[in-house]
């Protein structure tokens, strides 16, 4: 680790990611959000909180899930 006094504030910066890298990072972030949302919906259904799970699925429509008879299913559009 460098000492603060050794860092040049006008020196080299982190390079900007290319458009392809940005899209890849965005896709990874969206997939991670979707996976975490799925886990939350599963936990709510396991606790018997089906209505709360339905509300959460409706609020985060982009996750692509819905609740049917207390089970998390992937929504078919």
N, C-alpha and C. Protein backbone atom coordinates (compact mmCIF):
# COMPACT_ATOMS: atom_id res chain seq x y z
N UNK A 1 0.85 -1.16 0.00
CA UNK A 1 0.00 0.00 0.00
C UNK A 1 0.90 1.24 0.00
N UNK A 2 0.49 2.23 -0.77
CA UNK A 2 1.27 3.46 -0.86
C UNK A 2 0.87 4.44 0.24
N UNK A 3 1.82 5.24 0.61
CA UNK A 3 1.52 6.31 1.55
C UNK A 3 0.77 7.40 0.79
N UNK A 4 -0.07 8.09 1.48
CA UNK A 4 -0.86 9.15 0.84
C UNK A 4 0.04 10.20 0.20
N UNK A 5 1.13 10.52 0.85
CA UNK A 5 2.03 11.54 0.30
C UNK A 5 2.71 11.08 -0.99
N UNK A 6 2.74 9.75 -1.25
CA UNK A 6 3.36 9.22 -2.46
C UNK A 6 2.40 9.16 -3.65
N UNK A 7 1.12 9.40 -3.40
CA UNK A 7 0.13 9.32 -4.47
C UNK A 7 0.04 10.65 -5.20
N UNK A 8 0.12 10.59 -6.50
CA UNK A 8 0.03 11.79 -7.32
C UNK A 8 -1.44 12.00 -7.69
N UNK A 9 -2.07 13.07 -7.17
CA UNK A 9 -3.49 13.28 -7.46
C UNK A 9 -3.77 13.56 -8.94
N UNK A 10 -2.77 13.95 -9.67
CA UNK A 10 -2.94 14.23 -11.10
C UNK A 10 -2.40 13.10 -11.96
N UNK A 11 -2.07 12.00 -11.33
CA UNK A 11 -1.45 10.88 -12.04
C UNK A 11 -2.45 10.03 -12.78
N UNK A 12 -2.01 8.82 -13.08
CA UNK A 12 -2.82 7.89 -13.85
C UNK A 12 -4.09 7.53 -13.10
N UNK A 13 -5.15 7.45 -13.84
CA UNK A 13 -6.44 7.08 -13.27
C UNK A 13 -6.84 5.73 -13.83
N UNK A 14 -7.85 5.19 -13.24
CA UNK A 14 -8.39 3.94 -13.74
C UNK A 14 -9.02 4.22 -15.11
N UNK A 15 -8.76 3.33 -16.04
CA UNK A 15 -9.28 3.55 -17.40
C UNK A 15 -10.78 3.29 -17.42
N UNK A 16 -11.46 3.98 -18.31
CA UNK A 16 -12.90 3.78 -18.46
C UNK A 16 -13.14 2.46 -19.19
N UNK A 17 -14.12 1.68 -18.73
CA UNK A 17 -14.41 0.41 -19.41
C UNK A 17 -15.03 0.66 -20.78
N UNK A 18 -14.81 -0.26 -21.68
CA UNK A 18 -15.39 -0.13 -23.01
C UNK A 18 -16.89 -0.38 -22.91
N UNK A 19 -17.58 -0.10 -24.00
CA UNK A 19 -19.03 -0.29 -24.03
C UNK A 19 -19.40 -1.76 -23.78
N UNK A 20 -18.63 -2.66 -24.35
CA UNK A 20 -18.89 -4.10 -24.17
C UNK A 20 -18.69 -4.49 -22.71
N UNK A 21 -17.62 -3.98 -22.10
CA UNK A 21 -17.36 -4.28 -20.68
C UNK A 21 -18.47 -3.72 -19.79
N UNK A 22 -18.95 -2.51 -20.12
CA UNK A 22 -20.04 -1.91 -19.34
C UNK A 22 -21.31 -2.75 -19.43
N UNK A 23 -21.63 -3.20 -20.64
CA UNK A 23 -22.82 -4.02 -20.82
C UNK A 23 -22.69 -5.34 -20.06
N UNK A 24 -21.50 -5.92 -20.08
CA UNK A 24 -21.26 -7.17 -19.36
C UNK A 24 -21.42 -6.96 -17.86
N UNK A 25 -20.86 -5.89 -17.33
CA UNK A 25 -20.98 -5.58 -15.91
C UNK A 25 -22.44 -5.33 -15.52
N UNK A 26 -23.16 -4.64 -16.39
CA UNK A 26 -24.58 -4.37 -16.11
C UNK A 26 -25.37 -5.66 -16.10
N UNK A 27 -25.10 -6.56 -17.05
CA UNK A 27 -25.79 -7.85 -17.08
C UNK A 27 -25.49 -8.67 -15.83
N UNK A 28 -24.24 -8.64 -15.38
CA UNK A 28 -23.87 -9.37 -14.17
C UNK A 28 -24.61 -8.79 -12.96
N UNK A 29 -24.68 -7.48 -12.88
CA UNK A 29 -25.36 -6.83 -11.76
C UNK A 29 -26.86 -7.15 -11.76
N UNK A 30 -27.48 -7.12 -12.93
CA UNK A 30 -28.90 -7.43 -13.03
C UNK A 30 -29.18 -8.89 -12.67
N UNK A 31 -28.30 -9.80 -13.10
CA UNK A 31 -28.48 -11.21 -12.78
C UNK A 31 -28.32 -11.44 -11.28
N UNK A 32 -27.36 -10.76 -10.68
CA UNK A 32 -27.16 -10.90 -9.24
C UNK A 32 -28.38 -10.37 -8.48
N UNK A 33 -28.93 -9.25 -8.93
CA UNK A 33 -30.13 -8.69 -8.30
C UNK A 33 -31.31 -9.65 -8.44
N UNK A 34 -31.44 -10.25 -9.62
CA UNK A 34 -32.51 -11.20 -9.86
C UNK A 34 -32.37 -12.43 -8.95
N UNK A 35 -31.14 -12.94 -8.81
CA UNK A 35 -30.90 -14.10 -7.96
C UNK A 35 -31.21 -13.80 -6.49
N UNK A 36 -30.79 -12.63 -6.03
CA UNK A 36 -31.09 -12.24 -4.64
C UNK A 36 -32.59 -12.07 -4.43
N UNK A 37 -33.26 -11.51 -5.42
CA UNK A 37 -34.71 -11.36 -5.34
C UNK A 37 -35.40 -12.71 -5.27
N UNK A 38 -34.93 -13.66 -6.05
CA UNK A 38 -35.50 -15.00 -6.03
C UNK A 38 -35.37 -15.62 -4.64
N UNK A 39 -34.20 -15.45 -4.03
CA UNK A 39 -33.98 -15.98 -2.68
C UNK A 39 -34.92 -15.33 -1.67
N UNK A 40 -35.12 -14.04 -1.80
CA UNK A 40 -36.04 -13.33 -0.90
C UNK A 40 -37.46 -13.85 -1.06
N UNK A 41 -37.88 -14.06 -2.31
CA UNK A 41 -39.23 -14.56 -2.56
C UNK A 41 -39.40 -15.97 -2.00
N UNK A 42 -38.40 -16.80 -2.17
CA UNK A 42 -38.44 -18.18 -1.63
C UNK A 42 -38.58 -18.14 -0.11
N UNK A 43 -37.78 -17.29 0.54
CA UNK A 43 -37.83 -17.19 2.00
C UNK A 43 -39.21 -16.73 2.48
N UNK A 44 -39.77 -15.74 1.81
CA UNK A 44 -41.10 -15.26 2.20
C UNK A 44 -42.15 -16.36 2.04
N UNK A 45 -42.08 -17.10 0.95
CA UNK A 45 -43.05 -18.19 0.73
C UNK A 45 -42.86 -19.29 1.78
N UNK A 46 -41.63 -19.60 2.12
CA UNK A 46 -41.37 -20.62 3.14
C UNK A 46 -41.90 -20.20 4.50
N UNK A 47 -41.94 -18.90 4.74
CA UNK A 47 -42.48 -18.37 6.01
C UNK A 47 -43.99 -18.23 5.96
N UNK A 48 -44.59 -18.52 4.82
CA UNK A 48 -46.04 -18.41 4.68
C UNK A 48 -46.51 -17.00 4.35
N UNK A 49 -45.61 -16.12 4.01
CA UNK A 49 -45.92 -14.73 3.69
C UNK A 49 -46.14 -14.58 2.19
N UNK A 50 -47.16 -15.28 1.67
CA UNK A 50 -47.40 -15.29 0.23
C UNK A 50 -47.80 -13.93 -0.30
N UNK A 51 -48.63 -13.22 0.43
CA UNK A 51 -49.07 -11.89 -0.04
C UNK A 51 -47.89 -10.92 -0.10
N UNK A 52 -47.03 -10.98 0.89
CA UNK A 52 -45.86 -10.11 0.88
C UNK A 52 -44.94 -10.48 -0.29
N UNK A 53 -44.82 -11.78 -0.55
CA UNK A 53 -44.00 -12.22 -1.68
C UNK A 53 -44.62 -11.74 -2.99
N UNK A 54 -45.94 -11.80 -3.10
CA UNK A 54 -46.62 -11.31 -4.31
C UNK A 54 -46.37 -9.82 -4.51
N UNK A 55 -46.43 -9.07 -3.42
CA UNK A 55 -46.20 -7.63 -3.52
C UNK A 55 -44.76 -7.33 -3.94
N UNK A 56 -43.82 -8.08 -3.36
CA UNK A 56 -42.41 -7.87 -3.72
C UNK A 56 -42.15 -8.23 -5.18
N UNK A 57 -42.75 -9.33 -5.64
CA UNK A 57 -42.58 -9.74 -7.04
C UNK A 57 -43.19 -8.70 -7.98
N UNK A 58 -44.35 -8.14 -7.59
CA UNK A 58 -44.99 -7.12 -8.41
C UNK A 58 -44.16 -5.83 -8.43
N UNK A 59 -43.58 -5.50 -7.29
CA UNK A 59 -42.77 -4.28 -7.19
C UNK A 59 -41.52 -4.37 -8.06
N UNK A 60 -40.96 -5.58 -8.13
CA UNK A 60 -39.74 -5.80 -8.93
C UNK A 60 -40.08 -6.68 -10.13
N UNK A 61 -40.90 -6.14 -10.99
CA UNK A 61 -41.39 -6.85 -12.17
C UNK A 61 -40.25 -7.35 -13.05
N UNK A 62 -39.14 -6.60 -13.07
CA UNK A 62 -38.01 -6.95 -13.94
C UNK A 62 -37.33 -8.25 -13.52
N UNK A 63 -37.57 -8.72 -12.28
CA UNK A 63 -36.99 -10.00 -11.85
C UNK A 63 -37.57 -11.15 -12.66
N UNK A 64 -38.82 -11.02 -13.08
CA UNK A 64 -39.44 -12.04 -13.90
C UNK A 64 -40.06 -13.20 -13.13
N UNK A 65 -40.47 -12.96 -11.88
CA UNK A 65 -41.06 -14.01 -11.06
C UNK A 65 -42.46 -13.61 -10.62
N UNK A 66 -43.26 -14.63 -10.33
CA UNK A 66 -44.57 -14.41 -9.73
C UNK A 66 -44.82 -15.53 -8.73
N UNK A 67 -45.79 -15.32 -7.88
CA UNK A 67 -46.13 -16.28 -6.84
C UNK A 67 -47.45 -16.95 -7.21
N UNK A 68 -47.45 -18.26 -7.23
CA UNK A 68 -48.65 -19.02 -7.55
C UNK A 68 -48.80 -20.14 -6.52
N UNK A 69 -49.87 -20.07 -5.75
CA UNK A 69 -50.12 -21.06 -4.68
C UNK A 69 -48.93 -21.21 -3.73
N UNK A 70 -48.31 -20.09 -3.41
CA UNK A 70 -47.20 -20.10 -2.45
C UNK A 70 -45.88 -20.61 -3.01
N UNK A 71 -45.80 -20.68 -4.34
CA UNK A 71 -44.58 -21.16 -5.00
C UNK A 71 -44.08 -20.07 -5.93
N UNK A 72 -42.78 -19.86 -5.93
CA UNK A 72 -42.16 -18.88 -6.83
C UNK A 72 -41.98 -19.55 -8.19
N UNK A 73 -42.54 -18.91 -9.21
CA UNK A 73 -42.39 -19.43 -10.57
C UNK A 73 -41.91 -18.30 -11.47
N UNK A 74 -41.25 -18.71 -12.54
CA UNK A 74 -40.79 -17.72 -13.50
C UNK A 74 -41.98 -17.29 -14.36
N UNK A 75 -42.13 -15.98 -14.48
CA UNK A 75 -43.26 -15.41 -15.22
C UNK A 75 -43.05 -15.62 -16.71
N UNK A 76 -44.11 -16.03 -17.38
CA UNK A 76 -44.08 -16.19 -18.83
C UNK A 76 -44.90 -15.06 -19.43
N UNK A 77 -44.24 -14.20 -20.19
CA UNK A 77 -44.94 -13.05 -20.79
C UNK A 77 -45.51 -13.39 -22.13
